Amino acid sequence: MTNTIKVLLVDDMDIIMDIMISHLEMMGEEFIFLKASNGREACKIAQQAQPDLIIMDWEMPQMNGIEALALLKKNSLTKDIPVIISSGFSESTNVREALETGAIDYIRKPIDSIELIARVRSVLTLTSSFTALKEKKIELEQERQKVNKILHGIIPPKVLKEIKETGHSKPKRYKDATVMFTDLVGFTEKTTKMSPKRLINELNDIFSSFDKIITKNSCTRIKTIGDAYLSVSGLPEENKDHAKNMMKAAIELRDYIRNRNKTNQLQWEITTGINSGDIIGSLIGLDNYLFDIFGKNVNTAARIQNQCSPMGIFVSDSTYQLTKNDYRYKEIGKVSLKGMNNIVLHQIIDN
């Protein structure tokens, strides 16, 4: 061991503590020795100084070693400090009491130099290994939390739970869902005029705010595709208010962009397309997982977004029918969408 080792010696006789110091210095380690003459003083010093080891006498005035040991083990700040009890008691019942109270070892008086050194070295080695394992456990837990955070960002919680419990997730058709595509207007043109760092900072700021709005309204972010943001309501948890929730989220996204433009030098506009109907949700990939949604109604939402005017919110007739009593719309009329029959579109009117 190369680090300084802080040892708290507790005994009502200074001569005994001095003898232990002389013995321990023979180990060749770099020690710092602290002293206490009773259990009460030992508890106070231990909490403040956080020693690496305590060697404490059993029989002392005011508070004996066993009473102090019990207090140390109840205190969250000192419970992990290893304690060796020293005592003139030689009965096995005394040894058992000390160990059951929380001592890591027991040494009988008069103290033998060889035994003291051997027991202290053993305890320090053991606690060093324990500390290393504890640090590794903390490190692994931090890594686990990082991985979980990443997974929660790309896989809905219910699907992630299913994977953890069964090892896989089955594709599922969701009969009642609402899909929204949101796109940044003029993104390609603007990116040619800004640095990569500025671009990523803008996207991180905008999409992170989108995430909060989407989650608040019981919707799920599926993925971002460049400057496009895909979200859905009604999966993996079924929700009868899927269309209303998505409309509320869409309006809040637009309001967020409007408010952001008031204080941000770089001005953005968004286009939003929304469609309701059945879709398929599934985990894609064997090694690199990605949860995605598929089906005609997903493609329809994307096509509607392409037809949308800047800062407008266009919806299909299916979404309109589900939300017409909650929002004011004007009919755009029948629109020809790529690869699809003409469909009726509606635009939400600002209140």
Protein backbone atom coordinates (compact mmCIF):
# COMPACT_ATOMS: atom_id res chain seq x y z
CA MET A 1 0.00 0.00 0.00
CA THR A 2 1.37 3.39 -1.00
CA ASN A 3 -1.36 5.76 0.22
CA THR A 4 -1.40 7.30 3.66
CA ILE A 5 -3.38 5.18 6.13
CA LYS A 6 -5.33 7.00 8.81
CA VAL A 7 -5.71 4.94 12.00
CA LEU A 8 -7.77 5.96 15.01
CA LEU A 9 -6.52 4.39 18.27
CA VAL A 10 -8.98 4.35 21.16
CA ASP A 11 -7.81 3.48 24.69
CA ASP A 12 -7.93 5.14 28.10
CA MET A 13 -4.20 4.43 28.56
CA ASP A 14 -1.76 6.47 26.48
CA ILE A 15 1.03 3.97 27.01
CA ILE A 16 -0.95 1.23 25.23
CA MET A 17 -1.64 3.48 22.25
CA ASP A 18 2.06 4.41 22.09
CA ILE A 19 3.02 0.71 22.13
CA MET A 20 0.59 -0.01 19.26
CA ILE A 21 2.04 2.90 17.28
CA SER A 22 5.57 1.54 17.71
CA HIS A 23 4.41 -1.91 16.55
CA LEU A 24 2.49 -0.62 13.54
CA GLU A 25 5.34 1.59 12.37
CA MET A 26 7.30 -1.62 11.82
CA MET A 27 4.96 -2.38 8.89
CA GLY A 28 6.73 0.20 6.75
CA GLU A 29 3.47 1.90 5.76
CA GLU A 30 2.77 5.64 5.87
CA PHE A 31 0.44 6.03 8.84
CA ILE A 32 -1.36 8.99 10.38
CA PHE A 33 -2.39 8.17 13.95
CA LEU A 34 -5.34 9.75 15.74
CA LYS A 35 -6.10 9.16 19.43
CA ALA A 36 -9.21 9.04 21.60
CA SER A 37 -9.47 8.13 25.29
CA ASN A 38 -13.09 6.90 25.34
CA GLY A 39 -15.86 5.66 23.09
CA ARG A 40 -17.77 8.95 22.95
CA GLU A 41 -14.70 10.86 21.81
CA ALA A 42 -13.92 8.10 19.29
CA CYS A 43 -17.35 8.42 17.64
CA LYS A 44 -16.91 12.17 17.27
CA ILE A 45 -13.41 11.89 15.77
CA ALA A 46 -14.47 9.04 13.45
CA GLN A 47 -17.31 11.05 12.00
CA GLN A 48 -15.10 14.09 11.40
CA ALA A 49 -11.82 12.46 10.32
CA GLN A 50 -13.14 9.34 8.53
CA PRO A 51 -10.19 7.07 9.43
CA ASP A 52 -9.32 3.98 7.39
CA LEU A 53 -9.21 1.81 10.52
CA ILE A 54 -10.18 2.01 14.19
CA ILE A 55 -8.49 -0.09 16.87
CA MET A 56 -10.61 0.30 20.00
CA ASP A 57 -10.32 -0.99 23.56
CA TRP A 58 -13.38 -2.69 25.06
CA GLU A 59 -13.11 -1.41 28.65
CA MET A 60 -13.07 2.39 28.91
CA PRO A 61 -14.78 5.04 31.07
CA GLN A 62 -17.83 7.09 29.93
CA MET A 63 -18.53 4.81 26.96
CA ASN A 64 -16.90 1.43 26.40
CA GLY A 65 -15.73 0.06 23.08
CA ILE A 66 -18.76 -2.14 22.36
CA GLU A 67 -21.18 0.72 23.00
CA ALA A 68 -19.13 2.99 20.73
CA LEU A 69 -18.94 0.27 18.08
CA ALA A 70 -22.73 -0.05 18.07
CA LEU A 71 -23.10 3.72 17.57
CA LEU A 72 -20.53 3.76 14.77
CA LYS A 73 -22.40 1.03 12.89
CA LYS A 74 -25.71 2.91 13.19
CA ASN A 75 -24.22 6.10 11.72
CA SER A 76 -24.28 6.25 7.91
CA LEU A 77 -21.06 8.29 7.96
CA THR A 78 -19.07 5.73 9.98
CA LYS A 79 -20.80 2.37 9.46
CA ASP A 80 -18.29 1.21 6.83
CA ILE A 81 -15.14 2.06 8.82
CA PRO A 82 -13.51 -1.24 9.90
CA VAL A 83 -13.11 -1.62 13.67
CA ILE A 84 -10.79 -4.00 15.53
CA ILE A 85 -11.74 -4.49 19.17
CA SER A 86 -8.87 -5.01 21.62
CA SER A 87 -9.61 -6.49 25.01
CA GLY A 88 -8.28 -8.39 27.98
CA PHE A 89 -11.36 -10.64 27.76
CA SER A 90 -10.34 -14.01 26.38
CA GLU A 91 -13.64 -15.91 26.40
CA SER A 92 -15.12 -16.89 23.06
CA THR A 93 -18.42 -15.30 24.08
CA ASN A 94 -16.71 -11.91 24.19
CA VAL A 95 -15.23 -12.44 20.74
CA ARG A 96 -18.65 -13.39 19.41
CA GLU A 97 -20.29 -10.31 20.96
CA ALA A 98 -17.71 -8.01 19.41
CA LEU A 99 -18.08 -9.56 15.95
CA GLU A 100 -21.88 -9.58 16.14
CA THR A 101 -21.87 -5.90 17.10
CA GLY A 102 -19.91 -5.12 13.94
CA ALA A 103 -16.19 -5.52 14.66
CA ILE A 104 -14.18 -6.83 11.72
CA ASP A 105 -11.63 -8.51 14.04
CA TYR A 106 -10.72 -9.06 17.68
CA ILE A 107 -7.29 -8.93 19.32
CA ARG A 108 -6.53 -9.95 22.90
CA LYS A 109 -4.42 -8.01 25.39
CA PRO A 110 -1.57 -7.93 26.13
CA ILE A 111 -1.08 -7.10 22.48
CA ASP A 112 1.47 -9.17 20.61
CA SER A 113 3.42 -7.25 17.98
CA ILE A 114 3.34 -9.99 15.34
CA GLU A 115 -0.38 -10.67 15.83
CA LEU A 116 -1.25 -6.96 15.73
CA ILE A 117 0.66 -6.40 12.50
CA ALA A 118 -0.82 -9.52 10.89
CA ARG A 119 -4.40 -8.61 11.81
CA VAL A 120 -4.04 -4.97 10.76
CA ARG A 121 -2.46 -5.95 7.45
CA SER A 122 -5.25 -8.48 6.84
CA VAL A 123 -7.97 -5.95 7.62
CA LEU A 124 -6.43 -3.24 5.43
CA THR A 125 -6.08 -5.67 2.53
CA LEU A 126 -9.66 -6.82 2.97
CA THR A 127 -11.09 -3.31 3.19
CA SER A 128 -9.00 -2.19 0.23
CA SER A 129 -10.51 -4.99 -1.84
CA PHE A 130 -13.98 -4.13 -0.55
CA THR A 131 -13.49 -0.47 -1.45
CA ALA A 132 -12.32 -1.41 -4.95
CA LEU A 133 -15.38 -3.63 -5.43
CA LYS A 134 -17.65 -0.89 -4.12
CA GLU A 135 -16.13 1.65 -6.52
CA LYS A 136 -16.49 -0.84 -9.37
CA LYS A 137 -20.12 -1.40 -8.44
CA ILE A 138 -20.75 2.35 -8.48
CA GLU A 139 -19.00 2.63 -11.84
CA LEU A 140 -21.06 -0.23 -13.29
CA GLU A 141 -24.27 1.32 -11.95
CA GLN A 142 -23.38 4.64 -13.56
CA GLU A 143 -22.73 2.87 -16.87
CA ARG A 144 -26.01 0.97 -16.52
CA GLN A 145 -27.88 4.23 -15.97
CA LYS A 146 -26.20 5.74 -19.05
CA VAL A 147 -27.21 2.74 -21.17
CA ASN A 148 -30.76 2.86 -19.83
CA LYS A 149 -30.97 6.55 -20.58
CA ILE A 150 -29.85 5.93 -24.17
CA LEU A 151 -32.26 3.01 -24.57
CA HIS A 152 -35.16 5.03 -23.16
CA GLY A 153 -34.37 7.65 -25.79
CA ILE A 154 -34.81 5.21 -28.69
CA ILE A 155 -37.17 2.53 -27.32
CA PRO A 156 -40.53 3.17 -25.56
CA PRO A 157 -40.41 2.15 -21.87
CA LYS A 158 -43.07 -0.58 -22.23
CA VAL A 159 -41.19 -2.17 -25.13
CA LEU A 160 -37.89 -1.89 -23.26
CA LYS A 161 -39.47 -3.62 -20.26
CA GLU A 162 -40.70 -6.42 -22.52
CA ILE A 163 -37.19 -6.90 -23.93
CA LYS A 164 -35.67 -7.08 -20.44
CA GLU A 165 -38.26 -9.60 -19.26
CA THR A 166 -38.51 -11.85 -22.33
CA GLY A 167 -35.44 -11.07 -24.42
CA HIS A 168 -37.49 -9.87 -27.40
CA SER A 169 -40.43 -7.71 -28.46
CA LYS A 170 -43.14 -8.87 -30.86
CA PRO A 171 -44.37 -6.60 -33.69
CA LYS A 172 -47.83 -5.25 -32.92
CA ARG A 173 -50.61 -3.58 -34.87
CA TYR A 174 -52.08 -0.58 -33.09
CA LYS A 175 -55.58 0.08 -34.37
CA ASP A 176 -56.00 3.54 -32.84
CA ALA A 177 -52.98 5.80 -33.13
CA THR A 178 -52.06 9.26 -34.37
CA VAL A 179 -48.81 10.00 -36.19
CA MET A 180 -47.14 13.40 -36.53
CA PHE A 181 -44.28 14.47 -38.76
CA THR A 182 -42.70 17.83 -37.97
CA ASP A 183 -40.04 19.36 -40.21
CA LEU A 184 -37.82 22.44 -40.01
CA VAL A 185 -38.43 24.75 -42.98
CA GLY A 186 -35.38 25.72 -45.06
CA PHE A 187 -33.10 23.47 -43.08
CA THR A 188 -30.78 22.51 -45.96
CA GLU A 189 -30.25 26.13 -47.03
CA LYS A 190 -29.55 27.29 -43.47
CA THR A 191 -27.07 24.50 -42.74
CA THR A 192 -24.75 25.73 -45.49
CA LYS A 193 -24.33 28.99 -43.60
CA MET A 194 -23.51 27.68 -40.14
CA SER A 195 -20.76 25.63 -38.53
CA PRO A 196 -21.37 21.97 -37.66
CA LYS A 197 -21.23 22.87 -33.95
CA ARG A 198 -23.86 25.61 -34.34
CA LEU A 199 -26.06 23.26 -36.34
CA ILE A 200 -25.94 20.49 -33.75
CA ASN A 201 -26.51 22.96 -30.92
CA GLU A 202 -29.63 24.23 -32.68
CA LEU A 203 -31.00 20.74 -33.30
CA ASN A 204 -30.22 19.62 -29.75
CA ASP A 205 -31.96 22.64 -28.28
CA ILE A 206 -35.05 22.38 -30.49
CA PHE A 207 -35.50 18.61 -30.41
CA SER A 208 -34.83 18.38 -26.66
CA SER A 209 -37.63 20.88 -26.13
CA PHE A 210 -39.82 18.92 -28.54
CA ASP A 211 -39.16 15.77 -26.47
CA LYS A 212 -40.41 17.45 -23.30
CA ILE A 213 -43.58 18.66 -25.00
CA ILE A 214 -44.25 15.26 -26.60
CA THR A 215 -43.75 13.39 -23.32
CA LYS A 216 -45.90 15.86 -21.37
CA ASN A 217 -48.80 15.20 -23.73
CA SER A 218 -48.64 11.39 -23.43
CA CYS A 219 -47.04 10.97 -26.85
CA THR A 220 -43.87 9.14 -27.88
CA ARG A 221 -40.93 10.38 -29.91
CA ILE A 222 -40.03 7.64 -32.42
CA LYS A 223 -36.96 9.15 -34.07
CA THR A 224 -35.45 12.15 -35.81
CA ILE A 225 -34.50 11.93 -39.48
CA GLY A 226 -32.17 14.83 -40.15
CA ASP A 227 -34.37 17.84 -39.45
CA ALA A 228 -37.60 15.80 -39.36
CA TYR A 229 -39.17 14.76 -36.06
CA LEU A 230 -41.48 11.73 -35.97
CA SER A 231 -43.79 11.12 -33.01
CA VAL A 232 -46.89 9.06 -32.26
CA SER A 233 -49.70 8.87 -29.74
CA GLY A 234 -51.54 5.66 -28.88
CA LEU A 235 -48.58 3.32 -28.52
CA PRO A 236 -47.11 1.39 -26.88
CA GLU A 237 -49.81 2.32 -24.35
CA GLU A 238 -53.26 2.50 -25.95
CA ASN A 239 -54.93 5.86 -25.38
CA LYS A 240 -58.47 6.80 -26.47
CA ASP A 241 -57.41 10.47 -26.58
CA HIS A 242 -54.50 9.81 -28.94
CA ALA A 243 -55.63 12.35 -31.55
CA LYS A 244 -56.43 15.08 -29.00
CA ASN A 245 -53.10 14.54 -27.26
CA MET A 246 -51.20 14.83 -30.52
CA MET A 247 -53.06 17.97 -31.57
CA LYS A 248 -52.27 19.58 -28.23
CA ALA A 249 -48.60 18.63 -28.64
CA ALA A 250 -48.53 20.00 -32.21
CA ILE A 251 -49.86 23.39 -31.09
CA GLU A 252 -47.35 23.53 -28.24
CA LEU A 253 -44.49 22.69 -30.63
CA ARG A 254 -45.51 25.57 -32.88
CA ASP A 255 -45.91 27.94 -29.93
CA TYR A 256 -42.46 26.92 -28.68
CA ILE A 257 -40.90 27.84 -32.04
CA ARG A 258 -42.73 31.17 -32.09
CA ASN A 259 -41.54 32.06 -28.60
CA ARG A 260 -38.02 30.87 -29.35
CA ASN A 261 -37.84 33.14 -32.37
CA LYS A 262 -38.52 36.16 -30.15
CA THR A 263 -35.19 35.75 -28.37
CA ASN A 264 -33.08 33.72 -30.82
CA GLN A 265 -31.11 35.29 -33.65
CA LEU A 266 -31.61 32.27 -35.91
CA GLN A 267 -35.28 32.09 -36.92
CA TRP A 268 -37.01 28.79 -37.61
CA GLU A 269 -40.38 27.72 -38.98
CA ILE A 270 -41.90 24.26 -38.91
CA THR A 271 -44.41 22.31 -40.98
CA THR A 272 -46.60 19.69 -39.32
CA GLY A 273 -48.58 16.80 -40.78
CA ILE A 274 -50.88 14.62 -38.68
CA ASN A 275 -52.84 11.48 -39.52
CA SER A 276 -54.81 8.94 -37.46
CA GLY A 277 -55.38 5.25 -38.07
CA ASP A 278 -53.87 1.83 -37.54
CA ILE A 279 -50.09 1.41 -37.65
CA ILE A 280 -47.53 -1.29 -36.94
CA GLY A 281 -44.89 -0.81 -34.25
CA SER A 282 -41.86 -3.05 -34.00
CA LEU A 283 -38.30 -3.33 -32.80
CA ILE A 284 -35.88 -3.40 -35.73
CA GLY A 285 -32.35 -4.80 -35.71
CA LEU A 286 -30.58 -7.72 -34.04
CA ASP A 287 -27.60 -5.89 -32.55
CA ASN A 288 -28.46 -2.19 -32.91
CA TYR A 289 -32.03 -1.83 -31.68
CA LEU A 290 -34.43 0.76 -33.06
CA PHE A 291 -38.15 0.95 -32.43
CA ASP A 292 -39.99 2.16 -35.53
CA ILE A 293 -43.51 2.48 -36.90
CA PHE A 294 -44.79 1.38 -40.32
CA GLY A 295 -47.84 1.36 -42.51
CA LYS A 296 -49.88 3.45 -44.90
CA ASN A 297 -50.99 5.85 -42.19
CA VAL A 298 -47.39 6.66 -41.28
CA ASN A 299 -46.63 7.45 -44.94
CA THR A 300 -49.80 9.55 -45.15
CA ALA A 301 -48.67 11.74 -42.23
CA ALA A 302 -45.34 12.31 -44.00
CA ARG A 303 -47.07 13.25 -47.25
CA ILE A 304 -49.39 15.66 -45.42
CA GLN A 305 -46.40 17.36 -43.80
CA ASN A 306 -44.89 17.89 -47.26
CA GLN A 307 -48.08 19.75 -48.28
CA CYS A 308 -48.13 21.95 -45.19
CA SER A 309 -47.47 25.69 -45.26
CA PRO A 310 -44.82 27.13 -42.85
CA MET A 311 -46.07 27.21 -39.24
CA GLY A 312 -49.26 25.49 -40.33
CA ILE A 313 -50.70 22.29 -38.86
CA PHE A 314 -52.38 20.11 -41.51
CA VAL A 315 -54.40 17.05 -40.57
CA SER A 316 -56.12 14.25 -42.43
CA ASP A 317 -59.88 13.77 -42.34
CA SER A 318 -59.44 10.88 -39.89
CA THR A 319 -57.73 13.16 -37.35
CA TYR A 320 -60.22 15.93 -38.06
CA GLN A 321 -63.17 13.66 -37.25
CA LEU A 322 -61.61 12.76 -33.89
CA THR A 323 -60.82 16.34 -32.87
CA LYS A 324 -63.32 18.62 -34.67
CA ASN A 325 -65.23 19.27 -31.45
CA ASP A 326 -62.07 20.40 -29.66
CA TYR A 327 -60.35 22.59 -32.28
CA ARG A 328 -61.32 25.01 -35.04
CA TYR A 329 -60.37 24.01 -38.57
CA LYS A 330 -60.67 25.25 -42.10
CA GLU A 331 -60.90 22.76 -44.93
CA ILE A 332 -58.05 22.81 -47.43
CA GLY A 333 -59.91 20.49 -49.77
CA LYS A 334 -58.86 17.40 -51.65
CA VAL A 335 -55.13 17.11 -52.22
CA SER A 336 -53.24 14.66 -54.39
CA LEU A 337 -50.53 12.97 -52.37
CA LYS A 338 -47.65 11.06 -53.91
CA GLY A 339 -48.57 7.40 -54.40
CA MET A 340 -52.00 7.85 -52.82
CA ASN A 341 -55.56 8.73 -53.78
CA ASN A 342 -56.75 12.28 -53.24
CA ILE A 343 -57.54 12.97 -49.57
CA VAL A 344 -59.24 15.84 -47.78
CA LEU A 345 -56.94 17.98 -45.62
CA HIS A 346 -57.83 20.40 -42.83
CA GLN A 347 -55.78 23.17 -41.26
CA ILE A 348 -56.11 24.14 -37.64
CA ILE A 349 -57.08 27.77 -37.07
CA ASP A 350 -55.30 29.83 -34.41
CA ASN A 351 -57.56 30.83 -31.57
